[in-house]
Amino acid sequence: MSELILHHYALSPFSQKIRSMLGYAELTWQSALTREMPPRPHLARLVGGYRRIPVAQRGADIFCDSRTIAAEIATLAGKPALALENLDDEAAAWAARADGELFFPCVLTGGTPALRRKVRAQMSWLEIGRFMLDRLAMGRKAAVSVPGRRAAKALVTEHLAAVERQLHADFLFGAAPNHADFSTYHGLWFLHDLGESPLLKEFPGVLEWMARMRAFGDGASTAVSVQNALQLAADTQPRAIPAPLQRDARVGARVSIAPQDYAQVPTEGVLVGVAPQCWIVAREEPGLGNLHLHFPQQGYTLTPL
């Protein structure tokens, strides 16, 4: 089974990162739209406590975090540079900073009247209120500091200047895009395409690069209901775990796994595989059976229970 189901919502920056990768990879995929915030009871049956979006699914294998989703796309498409772990140190560090330190500044700076109009077209006033309360609560519990608007704008302006300097070729690190391009694109997509921020007018090279990234599109997708995605998980067994990934002494232990920075809600299960960059945790869900959840090691804490 090669076709991914992507659980996402339209205004999610990290979902756009993956949608753009799917467009570049020219993969077909199934689109399962979900709410902008919990509760997501159907999706929770697949992922347990994990609350970030997007989530990808191939049968009973569930990929949590855009990093593991990108690695799966890289394998399916035969494009290894889409996986963060295949980058050299410079490109990997660039991608990590764009996804981490610069993500919230881009979102804050993108909070313009244009963005508010687009949010209002997608959500009711009640949903917007709940969304804001949810994000405020998440921010208060986060282990990362979120800058104020003025500091965020200064960080974004410095970031845009760095991107402009870096663009010696069509893409950040050469003639073809890699994971760092998509990590950089989704924050600036939120800022420019959704927020319609005028900041990018000062950076023509960045605008041209964004146009090249945008031209990849989002790939060919078909809609699928969350109920059908759940049924697919119920009708499928997780793929076999290679023997080398089962040799870690912790395999077989019951564990909890959670992000280290924000949205730190844990997921519990049994550790069934350890890859160099990934943990695989099995969950038994009533009505769905055995599910394997794939998490990146970097940025997550695995705790024995």
Protein backbone atom coordinates (compact mmCIF):
# COMPACT_ATOMS: atom_id res chain seq x y z
CA MET A 1 0.00 0.00 0.00
CA SER A 2 1.73 3.19 -1.17
CA GLU A 3 -0.92 5.90 -0.86
CA LEU A 4 -0.75 8.08 2.20
CA ILE A 5 -3.74 9.38 4.11
CA LEU A 6 -2.95 12.82 5.47
CA HIS A 7 -4.97 14.03 8.47
CA HIS A 8 -4.69 17.82 8.26
CA TYR A 9 -6.49 21.15 8.05
CA ALA A 10 -6.19 23.89 5.47
CA LEU A 11 -4.53 26.65 7.53
CA SER A 12 -1.95 24.42 9.26
CA PRO A 13 1.61 25.48 8.35
CA PHE A 14 3.15 22.06 9.04
CA SER A 15 0.37 20.47 6.98
CA GLN A 16 1.38 22.78 4.13
CA LYS A 17 4.97 21.63 4.52
CA ILE A 18 3.83 18.06 3.88
CA ARG A 19 1.33 18.97 1.15
CA SER A 20 4.12 20.80 -0.71
CA MET A 21 6.42 17.78 -0.32
CA LEU A 22 3.70 15.56 -1.77
CA GLY A 23 3.39 17.94 -4.71
CA TYR A 24 7.13 17.91 -5.34
CA ALA A 25 7.24 14.12 -4.96
CA GLU A 26 4.30 13.76 -7.38
CA LEU A 27 2.60 11.30 -5.06
CA THR A 28 -1.13 10.67 -4.93
CA TRP A 29 -2.62 10.89 -1.46
CA GLN A 30 -5.89 10.88 0.42
CA SER A 31 -7.04 13.94 2.32
CA ALA A 32 -8.75 13.46 5.69
CA LEU A 33 -9.66 16.89 7.03
CA THR A 34 -9.77 17.33 10.79
CA ARG A 35 -10.51 20.07 13.30
CA GLU A 36 -8.02 22.84 14.04
CA MET A 37 -7.88 21.79 17.71
CA PRO A 38 -8.85 18.93 19.99
CA PRO A 39 -11.12 17.21 20.70
CA ARG A 40 -10.63 15.09 17.60
CA PRO A 41 -12.21 11.85 18.88
CA HIS A 42 -11.86 9.86 15.67
CA LEU A 43 -8.23 10.83 15.10
CA ALA A 44 -7.47 10.22 18.80
CA ARG A 45 -8.36 6.57 18.25
CA LEU A 46 -5.35 6.37 15.92
CA VAL A 47 -2.84 8.45 17.85
CA GLY A 48 -3.80 8.26 21.52
CA GLY A 49 -2.80 11.45 23.32
CA TYR A 50 -0.73 12.95 20.48
CA ARG A 51 -2.33 16.22 19.40
CA ARG A 52 -0.16 17.73 16.68
CA ILE A 53 -1.22 18.07 13.05
CA PRO A 54 -0.53 16.72 10.48
CA VAL A 55 -0.66 12.97 11.02
CA ALA A 56 -0.09 10.53 8.16
CA GLN A 57 -1.39 7.01 7.85
CA ARG A 58 -0.60 3.98 5.75
CA GLY A 59 -3.04 1.29 6.82
CA ALA A 60 -2.30 0.54 10.49
CA ASP A 61 1.01 2.45 10.48
CA ILE A 62 0.59 5.98 11.81
CA PHE A 63 3.27 8.65 11.33
CA CYS A 64 3.37 11.37 13.98
CA ASP A 65 5.34 14.59 13.41
CA SER A 66 6.22 16.06 10.02
CA ARG A 67 9.73 14.63 10.31
CA THR A 68 8.60 10.99 10.19
CA ILE A 69 6.01 11.84 7.52
CA ALA A 70 8.75 13.44 5.41
CA ALA A 71 10.95 10.35 5.80
CA GLU A 72 8.07 8.16 4.63
CA ILE A 73 7.49 10.41 1.60
CA ALA A 74 11.23 10.31 0.83
CA THR A 75 11.11 6.51 0.77
CA LEU A 76 7.93 6.30 -1.29
CA ALA A 77 9.12 8.85 -3.85
CA GLY A 78 12.76 7.78 -4.03
CA LYS A 79 13.83 11.31 -3.05
CA PRO A 80 16.16 10.86 -0.07
CA ALA A 81 16.82 14.59 0.35
CA LEU A 82 13.26 15.01 1.64
CA ALA A 83 14.26 13.16 4.84
CA LEU A 84 15.92 15.40 7.42
CA GLU A 85 18.33 12.67 8.47
CA ASN A 86 19.81 12.53 4.96
CA LEU A 87 20.96 16.16 4.96
CA ASP A 88 24.45 17.36 5.74
CA ASP A 89 25.02 19.20 9.01
CA GLU A 90 24.58 22.69 7.56
CA ALA A 91 21.26 21.96 5.84
CA ALA A 92 19.97 19.95 8.82
CA ALA A 93 20.76 22.80 11.21
CA TRP A 94 19.02 25.26 8.88
CA ALA A 95 15.90 23.05 8.74
CA ALA A 96 15.84 22.56 12.51
CA ARG A 97 16.02 26.31 13.14
CA ALA A 98 13.29 27.07 10.58
CA ASP A 99 10.97 24.44 12.06
CA GLY A 100 11.78 25.34 15.66
CA GLU A 101 13.10 28.75 16.63
CA LEU A 102 11.56 30.61 13.68
CA PHE A 103 8.17 28.91 13.46
CA PHE A 104 6.35 30.94 16.13
CA PRO A 105 7.84 34.28 14.97
CA CYS A 106 6.50 33.59 11.45
CA VAL A 107 3.07 32.70 12.83
CA LEU A 108 2.94 35.75 15.09
CA THR A 109 4.08 38.11 12.32
CA GLY A 110 1.57 36.52 9.96
CA GLY A 111 -1.33 37.41 12.26
CA THR A 112 -2.63 40.17 9.97
CA PRO A 113 -6.15 41.37 9.12
CA ALA A 114 -5.90 39.33 5.90
CA LEU A 115 -5.24 36.17 7.90
CA ARG A 116 -8.11 36.95 10.27
CA ARG A 117 -10.48 37.23 7.30
CA LYS A 118 -9.36 33.81 6.06
CA VAL A 119 -9.70 32.26 9.50
CA ARG A 120 -13.21 33.74 9.78
CA ALA A 121 -14.12 32.11 6.45
CA GLN A 122 -13.02 28.71 7.83
CA MET A 123 -14.30 28.89 11.43
CA SER A 124 -17.24 30.28 13.39
CA TRP A 125 -16.70 32.93 16.06
CA LEU A 126 -17.23 30.26 18.73
CA GLU A 127 -14.60 28.02 17.12
CA ILE A 128 -12.18 30.94 16.85
CA GLY A 129 -12.63 31.67 20.55
CA ARG A 130 -12.03 28.06 21.47
CA PHE A 131 -9.01 27.94 19.18
CA MET A 132 -7.44 31.00 20.81
CA LEU A 133 -8.02 29.61 24.31
CA ASP A 134 -6.53 26.28 23.25
CA ARG A 135 -3.41 27.90 21.82
CA LEU A 136 -2.97 30.18 24.85
CA ALA A 137 -3.17 27.18 27.17
CA MET A 138 -0.70 25.29 25.01
CA GLY A 139 1.69 28.25 24.98
CA ARG A 140 1.62 28.59 28.78
CA LYS A 141 2.69 24.96 29.15
CA ALA A 142 5.31 25.03 26.39
CA ALA A 143 8.97 24.47 27.12
CA VAL A 144 9.97 27.02 24.46
CA SER A 145 9.75 30.79 24.79
CA VAL A 146 7.50 32.65 22.37
CA PRO A 147 8.71 36.18 21.53
CA GLY A 148 6.56 39.26 21.59
CA ARG A 149 5.32 40.67 18.28
CA ARG A 150 8.06 43.26 17.91
CA ALA A 151 10.81 40.75 18.62
CA ALA A 152 9.10 38.22 16.34
CA LYS A 153 9.05 40.69 13.45
CA ALA A 154 12.75 41.42 13.93
CA LEU A 155 13.57 37.69 13.92
CA VAL A 156 11.53 37.15 10.77
CA THR A 157 13.21 40.07 8.99
CA GLU A 158 16.64 38.64 9.86
CA HIS A 159 15.47 35.25 8.66
CA LEU A 160 14.30 36.66 5.32
CA ALA A 161 17.67 38.36 4.84
CA ALA A 162 19.43 35.05 5.58
CA VAL A 163 17.25 33.22 3.04
CA GLU A 164 17.99 35.90 0.44
CA ARG A 165 21.74 35.50 1.02
CA GLN A 166 21.53 31.73 0.90
CA LEU A 167 19.84 31.55 -2.50
CA HIS A 168 22.86 31.13 -4.76
CA ALA A 169 20.89 28.58 -6.83
CA ASP A 170 17.22 27.84 -7.43
CA PHE A 171 16.89 26.34 -3.97
CA LEU A 172 18.55 26.85 -0.62
CA PHE A 173 21.23 24.19 -1.01
CA GLY A 174 21.42 23.61 -4.74
CA ALA A 175 19.49 22.97 -7.92
CA ALA A 176 16.84 20.78 -6.25
CA PRO A 177 14.92 21.30 -3.01
CA ASN A 178 15.60 19.32 0.12
CA HIS A 179 13.97 19.11 3.55
CA ALA A 180 15.39 22.52 4.50
CA ASP A 181 13.47 24.22 1.67
CA PHE A 182 10.15 22.80 2.85
CA SER A 183 10.94 23.62 6.50
CA THR A 184 11.58 27.21 5.46
CA TYR A 185 8.66 27.44 3.06
CA HIS A 186 5.78 26.61 5.38
CA GLY A 187 6.47 29.43 7.84
CA LEU A 188 6.85 31.95 5.03
CA TRP A 189 3.74 30.51 3.34
CA PHE A 190 1.81 31.36 6.50
CA LEU A 191 3.37 34.82 6.60
CA HIS A 192 3.03 35.71 2.91
CA ASP A 193 0.35 33.57 1.28
CA LEU A 194 -2.08 33.56 4.21
CA GLY A 195 -1.07 36.71 6.09
CA GLU A 196 -0.27 38.72 2.93
CA SER A 197 2.53 40.39 4.87
CA PRO A 198 4.38 43.15 2.97
CA LEU A 199 7.68 42.15 4.60
CA LEU A 200 8.73 39.97 1.65
CA LYS A 201 8.61 42.86 -0.81
CA GLU A 202 12.10 43.76 0.35
CA PHE A 203 13.43 40.34 -0.67
CA PRO A 204 12.89 39.60 -4.38
CA GLY A 205 15.02 36.45 -4.30
CA VAL A 206 12.85 35.00 -1.56
CA LEU A 207 9.69 35.79 -3.53
CA GLU A 208 11.10 34.06 -6.62
CA TRP A 209 12.09 31.03 -4.54
CA MET A 210 8.61 30.91 -3.00
CA ALA A 211 7.09 30.96 -6.48
CA ARG A 212 9.23 27.95 -7.43
CA MET A 213 8.14 26.13 -4.27
CA ARG A 214 4.50 27.04 -4.82
CA ALA A 215 4.67 25.71 -8.38
CA PHE A 216 5.08 22.17 -7.05
CA GLY A 217 1.47 22.33 -5.92
CA ASP A 218 0.03 19.96 -3.34
CA GLY A 219 -0.05 16.77 -5.40
CA ALA A 220 -3.09 14.79 -6.53
CA SER A 221 -5.41 14.11 -3.61
CA THR A 222 -8.82 12.57 -3.10
CA ALA A 223 -11.03 13.14 -0.08
CA VAL A 224 -11.49 10.36 2.46
CA SER A 225 -13.57 10.44 5.63
CA VAL A 226 -11.97 9.84 9.00
CA GLN A 227 -14.37 6.92 9.43
CA ASN A 228 -13.02 5.29 6.27
CA ALA A 229 -9.46 5.90 7.44
CA LEU A 230 -10.30 4.15 10.72
CA GLN A 231 -11.84 1.25 8.85
CA LEU A 232 -8.69 0.92 6.77
CA ALA A 233 -6.63 0.74 9.97
CA ALA A 234 -8.98 -1.93 11.34
CA ASP A 235 -8.71 -4.00 8.14
CA THR A 236 -4.90 -3.82 7.99
CA GLN A 237 -1.99 -5.17 9.99
CA PRO A 238 1.03 -2.95 10.69
CA ARG A 239 3.98 -3.67 8.46
CA ALA A 240 6.62 -6.05 9.78
CA ILE A 241 9.41 -4.53 11.85
CA PRO A 242 12.88 -5.62 10.65
CA ALA A 243 14.81 -7.75 13.14
CA PRO A 244 17.63 -5.17 13.62
CA LEU A 245 15.08 -2.65 14.90
CA GLN A 246 13.93 -5.09 17.60
CA ARG A 247 17.33 -5.62 19.25
CA ASP A 248 17.22 -2.62 21.56
CA ALA A 249 16.97 -3.72 25.21
CA ARG A 250 13.94 -1.45 25.71
CA VAL A 251 11.82 -3.23 23.08
CA GLY A 252 8.81 -4.86 24.71
CA ALA A 253 8.59 -2.30 27.52
CA ARG A 254 5.51 -0.19 28.09
CA VAL A 255 6.41 3.44 27.47
CA SER A 256 5.10 6.96 27.23
CA ILE A 257 6.27 9.30 24.48
CA ALA A 258 5.71 13.05 24.17
CA PRO A 259 7.13 16.12 22.40
CA GLN A 260 9.70 18.09 24.37
CA ASP A 261 8.73 21.60 23.30
CA TYR A 262 4.96 22.18 23.06
CA ALA A 263 1.73 20.17 22.85
CA GLN A 264 3.41 17.81 25.30
CA VAL A 265 0.51 15.38 25.67
CA PRO A 266 1.92 11.84 26.00
CA THR A 267 0.95 8.73 24.08
CA GLU A 268 1.28 5.37 25.81
CA GLY A 269 2.02 2.00 24.26
CA VAL A 270 4.59 -0.76 23.91
CA LEU A 271 7.94 -0.01 22.30
CA VAL A 272 8.28 -2.46 19.39
CA GLY A 273 11.06 -0.95 17.27
CA VAL A 274 14.01 1.42 17.54
CA ALA A 275 15.53 2.83 14.35
CA PRO A 276 18.46 5.29 14.31
CA GLN A 277 16.06 8.23 14.00
CA CYS A 278 12.70 6.77 14.98
CA TRP A 279 10.76 5.03 17.73
CA ILE A 280 7.87 2.69 16.89
CA VAL A 281 5.23 2.33 19.59
CA ALA A 282 2.37 -0.19 19.38
CA ARG A 283 -1.11 0.67 20.63
CA GLU A 284 -4.05 -1.69 20.92
CA GLU A 285 -7.22 0.25 20.16
CA PRO A 286 -10.66 -1.38 20.66
CA GLY A 287 -12.32 -1.85 17.30
CA LEU A 288 -9.14 -1.06 15.37
CA GLY A 289 -6.71 -3.67 16.69
CA ASN A 290 -2.95 -3.23 16.65
CA LEU A 291 -1.54 0.12 15.48
CA HIS A 292 2.11 1.12 15.08
CA LEU A 293 2.89 4.77 15.74
CA HIS A 294 6.14 6.16 14.32
CA PHE A 295 7.77 9.06 16.22
CA PRO A 296 11.09 10.83 15.62
CA GLN A 297 13.67 10.43 18.35
CA GLN A 298 14.88 14.02 18.09
CA GLY A 299 12.60 16.37 19.99
CA TYR A 300 10.67 13.62 21.82
CA THR A 301 11.08 12.04 25.24
CA LEU A 302 10.54 8.31 25.69
CA THR A 303 9.77 7.32 29.30
CA PRO A 304 9.41 3.74 30.63
CA LEU A 305 6.16 3.21 32.53
